[in-house]
Amino acid sequence: MNIEELITQATELEAKISDATGDARYDLHQKLHRTLENIRLHGGKVPAHLRNLDLELIDEEVEDQFDNMPI
């Protein structure tokens, strides 16, 4: 895939993530993260809104881990 196709794929994943919850949201985020890494590996620049979404989802997943910790 070329960089434009990868960015298109990432944008499509972004739309799916906005409607997803639970495990589906996590799985879509993993696909998004891999796609963004492929963009970087192919020498492309990841659009800021996709980079920000990836970081937000990482934060969300970290917080979810703490929500499930016993006290």
Protein backbone atom coordinates (compact mmCIF):
# COMPACT_ATOMS: atom_id res chain seq x y z
CA MET A 1 0.00 0.00 0.00
CA ASN A 2 1.14 3.51 -0.66
CA ILE A 3 0.94 6.32 1.88
CA GLU A 4 -2.31 7.78 0.50
CA GLU A 5 -4.03 4.39 0.75
CA LEU A 6 -2.79 3.98 4.32
CA ILE A 7 -4.11 7.43 5.27
CA THR A 8 -7.46 6.56 3.69
CA GLN A 9 -7.54 3.31 5.65
CA ALA A 10 -6.72 5.17 8.88
CA THR A 11 -9.49 7.70 8.23
CA GLU A 12 -11.98 4.87 7.68
CA LEU A 13 -10.88 3.29 10.96
CA GLU A 14 -11.32 6.66 12.67
CA ALA A 15 -14.98 6.72 11.60
CA LYS A 16 -15.54 3.15 12.82
CA ILE A 17 -13.88 3.88 16.16
CA SER A 18 -16.25 6.76 16.87
CA ASP A 19 -19.20 4.32 16.80
CA ALA A 20 -17.50 1.38 18.52
CA THR A 21 -17.44 0.38 22.18
CA GLY A 22 -15.66 -2.17 24.34
CA ASP A 23 -13.53 -4.84 22.70
CA ALA A 24 -14.47 -3.70 19.19
CA ARG A 25 -13.11 -0.22 19.97
CA TYR A 26 -9.89 -1.74 21.31
CA ASP A 27 -9.45 -3.95 18.22
CA LEU A 28 -10.06 -1.01 15.88
CA HIS A 29 -7.55 1.07 17.80
CA GLN A 30 -4.92 -1.65 17.38
CA LYS A 31 -5.56 -1.64 13.62
CA LEU A 32 -5.35 2.17 13.56
CA HIS A 33 -2.09 2.15 15.51
CA ARG A 34 -0.52 -0.40 13.11
CA THR A 35 -1.71 1.64 10.12
CA LEU A 36 -0.17 4.83 11.54
CA GLU A 37 3.10 2.97 12.15
CA ASN A 38 3.06 1.78 8.53
CA ILE A 39 2.58 5.36 7.34
CA ARG A 40 5.66 6.37 9.35
CA LEU A 41 7.67 3.38 8.13
CA HIS A 42 6.92 4.28 4.52
CA GLY A 43 8.20 7.81 5.12
CA GLY A 44 4.81 9.49 5.35
CA LYS A 45 3.57 12.11 7.77
CA VAL A 46 0.65 11.09 9.97
CA PRO A 47 -2.09 13.76 9.99
CA ALA A 48 -2.35 15.48 13.37
CA HIS A 49 -5.98 14.48 13.97
CA LEU A 50 -5.11 10.79 13.54
CA ARG A 51 -2.04 11.08 15.76
CA ASN A 52 -4.15 12.81 18.42
CA LEU A 53 -6.85 10.13 18.19
CA ASP A 54 -4.22 7.42 18.66
CA LEU A 55 -2.86 9.16 21.77
CA GLU A 56 -6.37 9.67 23.19
CA LEU A 57 -7.16 5.99 22.72
CA ILE A 58 -3.91 4.96 24.38
CA ASP A 59 -4.79 7.16 27.37
CA GLU A 60 -8.28 5.66 27.44
CA GLU A 61 -6.88 2.13 27.50
CA VAL A 62 -4.42 2.97 30.29
CA GLU A 63 -7.23 4.48 32.39
CA ASP A 64 -9.38 1.40 31.78
CA GLN A 65 -6.62 -0.77 33.21
CA PHE A 66 -6.68 1.23 36.45
CA ASP A 67 -10.49 1.10 36.65
CA ASN A 68 -10.31 -2.69 36.93
CA MET A 69 -7.68 -2.82 39.68
CA PRO A 70 -8.84 -4.08 43.06
CA ILE A 71 -8.45 -1.76 46.00
